[in-house]
């Protein structure tokens, strides 16, 4: 039962979601949120609800793109790192 529980732990750790690369993801997510908040505030102060709504939708879309691009399961990050060891063109 020890080996089976170790394999189960490995499967669980591989299915966790992580940010990869973390620094780039954090910087882009922060930029999308701050940029969105600033642009919505400026549009609201200018008295343009249509522009404020467009800024909110655009910044939300950018944040969604950051999440879709940089959020990965642990197993996928490991597999990408080992790709060149396992697969060598021409062999």
C-alpha atoms as a PDB file:
ATOM      1  CA  UNK A   1       0.000   0.000   0.000  1.00  0.00           C
ATOM      2  CA  UNK A   2       2.992   2.322   0.457  1.00  0.00           C
ATOM      3  CA  UNK A   3       3.837   2.450  -3.269  1.00  0.00           C
ATOM      4  CA  UNK A   4       0.202   2.994  -4.235  1.00  0.00           C
ATOM      5  CA  UNK A   5      -0.183   5.902  -1.834  1.00  0.00           C
ATOM      6  CA  UNK A   6       3.062   7.434  -3.139  1.00  0.00           C
ATOM      7  CA  UNK A   7       1.738   7.213  -6.688  1.00  0.00           C
ATOM      8  CA  UNK A   8      -1.543   8.748  -5.612  1.00  0.00           C
ATOM      9  CA  UNK A   9       0.346  11.609  -3.944  1.00  0.00           C
ATOM     10  CA  UNK A  10       2.340  12.133  -7.146  1.00  0.00           C
ATOM     11  CA  UNK A  11      -0.861  12.262  -9.202  1.00  0.00           C
ATOM     12  CA  UNK A  12      -2.362  14.779  -6.791  1.00  0.00           C
ATOM     13  CA  UNK A  13       0.736  16.981  -6.882  1.00  0.00           C
ATOM     14  CA  UNK A  14       0.802  16.806 -10.681  1.00  0.00           C
ATOM     15  CA  UNK A  15      -2.777  17.966 -11.000  1.00  0.00           C
ATOM     16  CA  UNK A  16      -2.236  21.142  -8.949  1.00  0.00           C
ATOM     17  CA  UNK A  17      -2.389  24.389 -10.895  1.00  0.00           C
ATOM     18  CA  UNK A  18       0.575  26.775 -10.783  1.00  0.00           C
ATOM     19  CA  UNK A  19       1.580  30.026 -12.448  1.00  0.00           C
ATOM     20  CA  UNK A  20       4.368  29.474 -14.972  1.00  0.00           C
ATOM     21  CA  UNK A  21       6.467  31.592 -15.221  1.00  0.00           C
ATOM     22  CA  UNK A  22       5.286  33.163 -12.014  1.00  0.00           C
ATOM     23  CA  UNK A  23       7.029  36.539 -12.244  1.00  0.00           C
ATOM     24  CA  UNK A  24       5.792  37.333 -15.731  1.00  0.00           C
ATOM     25  CA  UNK A  25       2.260  36.227 -14.890  1.00  0.00           C
ATOM     26  CA  UNK A  26       2.175  38.350 -11.739  1.00  0.00           C
ATOM     27  CA  UNK A  27       3.476  41.419 -13.560  1.00  0.00           C
ATOM     28  CA  UNK A  28       0.990  41.113 -16.428  1.00  0.00           C
ATOM     29  CA  UNK A  29      -1.947  40.389 -14.124  1.00  0.00           C
ATOM     30  CA  UNK A  30      -1.062  43.394 -11.979  1.00  0.00           C
ATOM     31  CA  UNK A  31      -0.744  45.586 -15.060  1.00  0.00           C
ATOM     32  CA  UNK A  32      -4.137  44.437 -16.360  1.00  0.00           C
ATOM     33  CA  UNK A  33      -5.867  45.084 -13.027  1.00  0.00           C
ATOM     34  CA  UNK A  34      -4.213  48.434 -12.319  1.00  0.00           C
ATOM     35  CA  UNK A  35      -4.609  49.593 -15.921  1.00  0.00           C
ATOM     36  CA  UNK A  36      -8.249  48.597 -15.880  1.00  0.00           C
ATOM     37  CA  UNK A  37      -8.973  50.337 -12.607  1.00  0.00           C
ATOM     38  CA  UNK A  38      -7.219  53.526 -13.696  1.00  0.00           C
ATOM     39  CA  UNK A  39      -8.921  53.607 -17.095  1.00  0.00           C
ATOM     40  CA  UNK A  40     -12.352  52.950 -15.578  1.00  0.00           C
ATOM     41  CA  UNK A  41     -11.789  55.675 -12.980  1.00  0.00           C
ATOM     42  CA  UNK A  42     -10.675  58.181 -15.606  1.00  0.00           C
ATOM     43  CA  UNK A  43     -13.638  57.353 -17.842  1.00  0.00           C
ATOM     44  CA  UNK A  44     -16.036  57.626 -14.892  1.00  0.00           C
ATOM     45  CA  UNK A  45     -14.609  60.985 -13.850  1.00  0.00           C
ATOM     46  CA  UNK A  46     -14.961  62.173 -17.441  1.00  0.00           C
ATOM     47  CA  UNK A  47     -18.636  61.266 -17.255  1.00  0.00           C
ATOM     48  CA  UNK A  48     -18.555  58.572 -19.928  1.00  0.00           C
ATOM     49  CA  UNK A  49     -20.272  55.387 -18.732  1.00  0.00           C
ATOM     50  CA  UNK A  50     -19.873  53.790 -22.157  1.00  0.00           C
ATOM     51  CA  UNK A  51     -16.104  54.323 -22.094  1.00  0.00           C
ATOM     52  CA  UNK A  52     -15.939  53.119 -18.480  1.00  0.00           C
ATOM     53  CA  UNK A  53     -17.804  49.942 -19.424  1.00  0.00           C
ATOM     54  CA  UNK A  54     -15.553  49.374 -22.426  1.00  0.00           C
ATOM     55  CA  UNK A  55     -12.459  49.833 -20.252  1.00  0.00           C
ATOM     56  CA  UNK A  56     -13.826  47.364 -17.702  1.00  0.00           C
ATOM     57  CA  UNK A  57     -14.579  44.759 -20.380  1.00  0.00           C
ATOM     58  CA  UNK A  58     -11.183  45.234 -22.034  1.00  0.00           C
ATOM     59  CA  UNK A  59      -9.233  44.928 -18.791  1.00  0.00           C
ATOM     60  CA  UNK A  60     -11.264  41.868 -17.780  1.00  0.00           C
ATOM     61  CA  UNK A  61     -10.491  40.289 -21.125  1.00  0.00           C
ATOM     62  CA  UNK A  62      -6.792  41.005 -20.713  1.00  0.00           C
ATOM     63  CA  UNK A  63      -6.809  39.461 -17.249  1.00  0.00           C
ATOM     64  CA  UNK A  64      -8.577  36.376 -18.618  1.00  0.00           C
ATOM     65  CA  UNK A  65      -5.907  36.056 -21.321  1.00  0.00           C
ATOM     66  CA  UNK A  66      -3.163  36.225 -18.691  1.00  0.00           C
ATOM     67  CA  UNK A  67      -4.842  33.467 -16.684  1.00  0.00           C
ATOM     68  CA  UNK A  68      -5.354  31.268 -19.743  1.00  0.00           C
ATOM     69  CA  UNK A  69      -1.777  31.753 -20.917  1.00  0.00           C
ATOM     70  CA  UNK A  70       0.161  31.406 -17.646  1.00  0.00           C
ATOM     71  CA  UNK A  71      -1.917  29.045 -15.481  1.00  0.00           C
ATOM     72  CA  UNK A  72      -0.661  25.475 -15.965  1.00  0.00           C
ATOM     73  CA  UNK A  73      -0.981  22.119 -14.285  1.00  0.00           C
ATOM     74  CA  UNK A  74       2.210  20.928 -12.620  1.00  0.00           C
ATOM     75  CA  UNK A  75       2.441  17.819 -14.803  1.00  0.00           C
ATOM     76  CA  UNK A  76       2.450  19.956 -17.959  1.00  0.00           C
ATOM     77  CA  UNK A  77       5.278  22.155 -16.706  1.00  0.00           C
ATOM     78  CA  UNK A  78       7.305  19.046 -15.831  1.00  0.00           C
ATOM     79  CA  UNK A  79       6.569  17.476 -19.217  1.00  0.00           C
ATOM     80  CA  UNK A  80       7.653  20.619 -21.077  1.00  0.00           C
ATOM     81  CA  UNK A  81      10.889  20.641 -19.096  1.00  0.00           C
ATOM     82  CA  UNK A  82      11.634  17.009 -19.977  1.00  0.00           C
ATOM     83  CA  UNK A  83      10.565  17.259 -23.604  1.00  0.00           C
ATOM     84  CA  UNK A  84      14.069  17.613 -24.996  1.00  0.00           C
ATOM     85  CA  UNK A  85      15.364  14.716 -22.906  1.00  0.00           C
ATOM     86  CA  UNK A  86      12.635  12.375 -24.113  1.00  0.00           C
ATOM     87  CA  UNK A  87      12.274  13.629 -27.677  1.00  0.00           C
ATOM     88  CA  UNK A  88      15.289  14.349 -29.834  1.00  0.00           C
ATOM     89  CA  UNK A  89      14.667  15.065 -33.503  1.00  0.00           C
ATOM     90  CA  UNK A  90      16.440  12.664 -35.834  1.00  0.00           C
ATOM     91  CA  UNK A  91      16.587   9.727 -33.473  1.00  0.00           C
END
